[in-house]
Amino acid sequence: MARRTTLFLPDHYYHIYNRGAHKADIFRDDNDYVFLLKLIKEKATAFDISVIAYCLMSNHYHFLLRQNGERTISQFMQAVFNIYSKAFNRKYELSGTLFEGAFKSVLVERDEYLLHLCRYIHSNPLEADMVIKPEQWHYSNYLEFIGERKGTLVDREFVQENFGTPEEYKAFVMDYTPPEKMEKELRHYLFWD
């Protein structure tokens, strides 16, 4: 098994993501999403991890996390997803791996990337054409970012310091066009007869 190359350090931010094995769903109903979010909340407190942004999609997830102490994000993720995978397999009478290998991790070293990563994470349901507006997707903390839900899986101080008002963050998210989408739209426009 390959060793993880990311070094998890206190007071650093990390983009954490993974998807289901063979791109299969890792959430099949609302209860699956809720169960994982309860686990995240419980373990984040125990491991002193701050959840900055997250989005759970049917076959993958994204988290922006800050490690606050010595207990690592790797330990936190292992604790959460060992429990989740076992419960999922038991519930659906499955066996074997749920995920496409170990979770992926990227150290976020630049503030600019940190802010764009929040937008990228919250835009996932839009990009997948699952919703028209990000606030329609209940399995992210976008609603906390814009002050429309009082959930606790968010660092409100981080949001206020970096994005100001809910309206500013809404505009920031909606003003984003992924490079691949822009390229596709330009190709369509350039070759339009």
Protein backbone atom coordinates (compact mmCIF):
# COMPACT_ATOMS: atom_id res chain seq x y z
CA MET A 1 0.00 0.00 0.00
CA ALA A 2 1.36 3.43 -0.96
CA ARG A 3 2.24 5.80 1.87
CA ARG A 4 0.47 9.12 2.13
CA THR A 5 2.72 11.98 1.05
CA THR A 6 0.72 14.81 2.64
CA LEU A 7 2.08 15.94 5.98
CA PHE A 8 -0.80 17.02 8.23
CA LEU A 9 0.15 19.95 10.47
CA PRO A 10 -1.67 22.08 13.03
CA ASP A 11 -3.13 25.39 11.81
CA HIS A 12 -3.10 24.31 8.16
CA TYR A 13 -5.96 23.88 5.69
CA TYR A 14 -6.51 20.80 3.53
CA HIS A 15 -8.81 19.92 0.66
CA ILE A 16 -9.99 16.36 1.29
CA TYR A 17 -11.98 14.41 -1.30
CA ASN A 18 -12.85 10.92 -2.49
CA ARG A 19 -15.45 9.04 -4.47
CA GLY A 20 -17.13 5.69 -4.46
CA ALA A 21 -15.39 2.63 -5.89
CA HIS A 22 -16.23 2.33 -9.58
CA LYS A 23 -17.94 5.75 -9.22
CA ALA A 24 -20.80 4.04 -7.34
CA ASP A 25 -23.01 5.96 -4.94
CA ILE A 26 -21.75 6.33 -1.39
CA PHE A 27 -25.04 7.91 -0.28
CA ARG A 28 -28.29 6.24 -1.29
CA ASP A 29 -30.85 8.10 0.79
CA ASP A 30 -31.19 11.11 3.08
CA ASN A 31 -30.42 9.02 6.15
CA ASP A 32 -26.97 8.19 4.75
CA TYR A 33 -26.08 11.88 4.39
CA VAL A 34 -27.43 12.69 7.87
CA PHE A 35 -25.57 9.77 9.47
CA LEU A 36 -22.24 10.89 7.97
CA LEU A 37 -22.79 14.52 9.00
CA LYS A 38 -23.49 13.43 12.59
CA LEU A 39 -20.26 11.41 12.55
CA ILE A 40 -18.31 14.36 11.15
CA LYS A 41 -19.69 16.66 13.84
CA GLU A 42 -18.90 14.22 16.65
CA LYS A 43 -15.41 13.34 15.46
CA ALA A 44 -14.44 16.91 14.48
CA THR A 45 -14.91 17.94 18.10
CA ALA A 46 -13.01 14.92 19.41
CA PHE A 47 -10.09 15.42 16.98
CA ASP A 48 -10.05 19.26 17.12
CA ILE A 49 -10.70 19.64 13.40
CA SER A 50 -12.53 22.67 11.99
CA VAL A 51 -14.90 22.05 9.10
CA ILE A 52 -14.65 25.08 6.85
CA ALA A 53 -16.60 23.96 3.77
CA TYR A 54 -18.11 20.67 2.68
CA CYS A 55 -20.32 19.16 0.03
CA LEU A 56 -21.60 15.60 -0.03
CA MET A 57 -22.66 14.36 -3.47
CA SER A 58 -24.21 10.99 -4.27
CA ASN A 59 -20.92 9.37 -5.31
CA HIS A 60 -18.23 11.66 -3.85
CA TYR A 61 -17.45 14.24 -1.21
CA HIS A 62 -15.33 17.36 -0.70
CA PHE A 63 -14.17 18.86 2.58
CA LEU A 64 -12.05 21.89 3.38
CA LEU A 65 -10.68 21.19 6.85
CA ARG A 66 -8.31 22.91 9.26
CA GLN A 67 -6.28 20.82 11.66
CA ASN A 68 -6.13 22.71 14.96
CA GLY A 69 -4.11 20.35 17.15
CA GLU A 70 -1.76 17.39 16.99
CA ARG A 71 -4.43 14.79 16.13
CA THR A 72 -4.26 14.62 12.37
CA ILE A 73 -6.85 14.96 9.65
CA SER A 74 -5.76 11.51 8.50
CA GLN A 75 -6.71 10.03 11.88
CA PHE A 76 -10.00 11.96 11.82
CA MET A 77 -10.91 10.72 8.32
CA GLN A 78 -10.02 7.15 9.18
CA ALA A 79 -12.21 7.24 12.30
CA VAL A 80 -15.17 8.74 10.43
CA PHE A 81 -15.08 6.63 7.29
CA ASN A 82 -14.31 3.32 8.98
CA ILE A 83 -17.56 3.70 10.90
CA TYR A 84 -19.46 5.02 7.88
CA SER A 85 -18.26 2.28 5.50
CA LYS A 86 -19.15 -0.51 7.94
CA ALA A 87 -22.61 0.97 8.58
CA PHE A 88 -23.24 1.48 4.85
CA ASN A 89 -22.22 -2.10 3.99
CA ARG A 90 -24.32 -3.50 6.81
CA LYS A 91 -27.37 -1.41 5.83
CA TYR A 92 -27.22 -2.39 2.16
CA GLU A 93 -25.92 -5.94 2.72
CA LEU A 94 -22.68 -5.29 0.86
CA SER A 95 -19.08 -6.25 1.46
CA GLY A 96 -15.75 -4.90 0.35
CA THR A 97 -14.48 -1.41 -0.18
CA LEU A 98 -16.85 1.52 -0.48
CA PHE A 99 -14.30 4.05 -1.75
CA GLU A 100 -11.90 4.31 -4.65
CA GLY A 101 -8.85 3.91 -2.45
CA ALA A 102 -7.61 6.25 0.25
CA PHE A 103 -8.96 9.79 0.38
CA LYS A 104 -7.07 12.45 -1.57
CA SER A 105 -5.58 15.42 0.25
CA VAL A 106 -4.12 18.72 -0.88
CA LEU A 107 -2.44 21.20 1.42
CA VAL A 108 -3.88 24.65 0.79
CA GLU A 109 -0.92 27.00 0.86
CA ARG A 110 -2.32 30.21 -0.66
CA ASP A 111 -5.17 32.34 0.68
CA GLU A 112 -6.47 32.94 -2.84
CA TYR A 113 -6.77 29.19 -3.44
CA LEU A 114 -8.44 28.78 -0.03
CA LEU A 115 -11.25 31.17 -0.97
CA HIS A 116 -11.75 29.73 -4.45
CA LEU A 117 -11.85 26.25 -2.95
CA CYS A 118 -14.86 27.21 -0.81
CA ARG A 119 -16.62 28.37 -3.97
CA TYR A 120 -15.61 25.24 -5.89
CA ILE A 121 -16.91 22.96 -3.13
CA HIS A 122 -20.24 24.76 -2.84
CA SER A 123 -20.65 24.87 -6.65
CA ASN A 124 -20.48 21.08 -7.02
CA PRO A 125 -24.27 20.51 -7.14
CA LEU A 126 -24.59 23.32 -9.72
CA GLU A 127 -21.89 21.80 -11.93
CA ALA A 128 -23.61 18.42 -11.73
CA ASP A 129 -26.92 20.04 -12.78
CA MET A 130 -28.58 18.73 -9.61
CA VAL A 131 -29.85 22.17 -8.58
CA ILE A 132 -30.35 25.62 -10.07
CA LYS A 133 -29.07 27.47 -6.99
CA PRO A 134 -26.56 26.16 -4.43
CA GLU A 135 -28.96 26.82 -1.54
CA GLN A 136 -31.20 24.05 -2.93
CA TRP A 137 -28.59 21.41 -2.05
CA HIS A 138 -28.96 20.50 1.62
CA TYR A 139 -25.82 18.40 1.95
CA SER A 140 -23.28 21.21 1.99
CA ASN A 141 -22.70 24.04 4.42
CA TYR A 142 -23.45 26.72 1.84
CA LEU A 143 -26.63 27.60 3.76
CA GLU A 144 -24.49 28.28 6.84
CA PHE A 145 -22.16 30.47 4.78
CA ILE A 146 -25.09 32.64 3.69
CA GLY A 147 -26.79 32.67 7.10
CA GLU A 148 -29.89 30.67 6.13
CA ARG A 149 -29.28 27.67 8.40
CA LYS A 150 -27.89 27.47 11.94
CA GLY A 151 -25.86 24.30 11.52
CA THR A 152 -22.63 23.89 13.44
CA LEU A 153 -20.40 22.34 10.77
CA VAL A 154 -18.93 25.68 9.76
CA ASP A 155 -16.36 28.14 11.06
CA ARG A 156 -18.47 31.31 11.09
CA GLU A 157 -15.49 33.48 12.01
CA PHE A 158 -13.64 32.24 8.91
CA VAL A 159 -16.67 33.01 6.73
CA GLN A 160 -17.11 36.53 8.08
CA GLU A 161 -13.40 37.38 7.91
CA ASN A 162 -13.02 36.17 4.33
CA PHE A 163 -16.35 36.82 2.65
CA GLY A 164 -18.11 39.62 4.55
CA THR A 165 -21.86 39.51 4.04
CA PRO A 166 -23.99 36.59 2.85
CA GLU A 167 -24.81 38.58 -0.29
CA GLU A 168 -21.10 38.95 -1.09
CA TYR A 169 -20.55 35.22 -0.77
CA LYS A 170 -23.61 34.42 -2.92
CA ALA A 171 -22.27 36.72 -5.64
CA PHE A 172 -18.80 35.17 -5.31
CA VAL A 173 -20.17 31.65 -5.79
CA MET A 174 -22.49 32.54 -8.65
CA ASP A 175 -19.75 34.48 -10.46
CA TYR A 176 -17.68 31.34 -10.96
CA THR A 177 -17.32 29.55 -14.26
CA PRO A 178 -15.01 26.52 -14.18
CA PRO A 179 -12.28 26.71 -16.84
CA GLU A 180 -13.47 23.52 -18.57
CA LYS A 181 -17.04 24.83 -18.78
CA MET A 182 -15.87 28.17 -20.15
CA GLU A 183 -13.76 26.38 -22.74
CA LYS A 184 -16.73 24.23 -23.78
CA GLU A 185 -18.98 27.29 -24.08
CA LEU A 186 -16.34 29.12 -26.12
CA ARG A 187 -15.89 26.16 -28.47
CA HIS A 188 -19.65 26.01 -28.97
CA TYR A 189 -19.75 29.74 -29.67
CA LEU A 190 -16.77 29.73 -32.04
CA PHE A 191 -18.11 26.87 -34.13
CA TRP A 192 -21.73 28.03 -34.14
CA ASP A 193 -23.09 28.37 -37.68
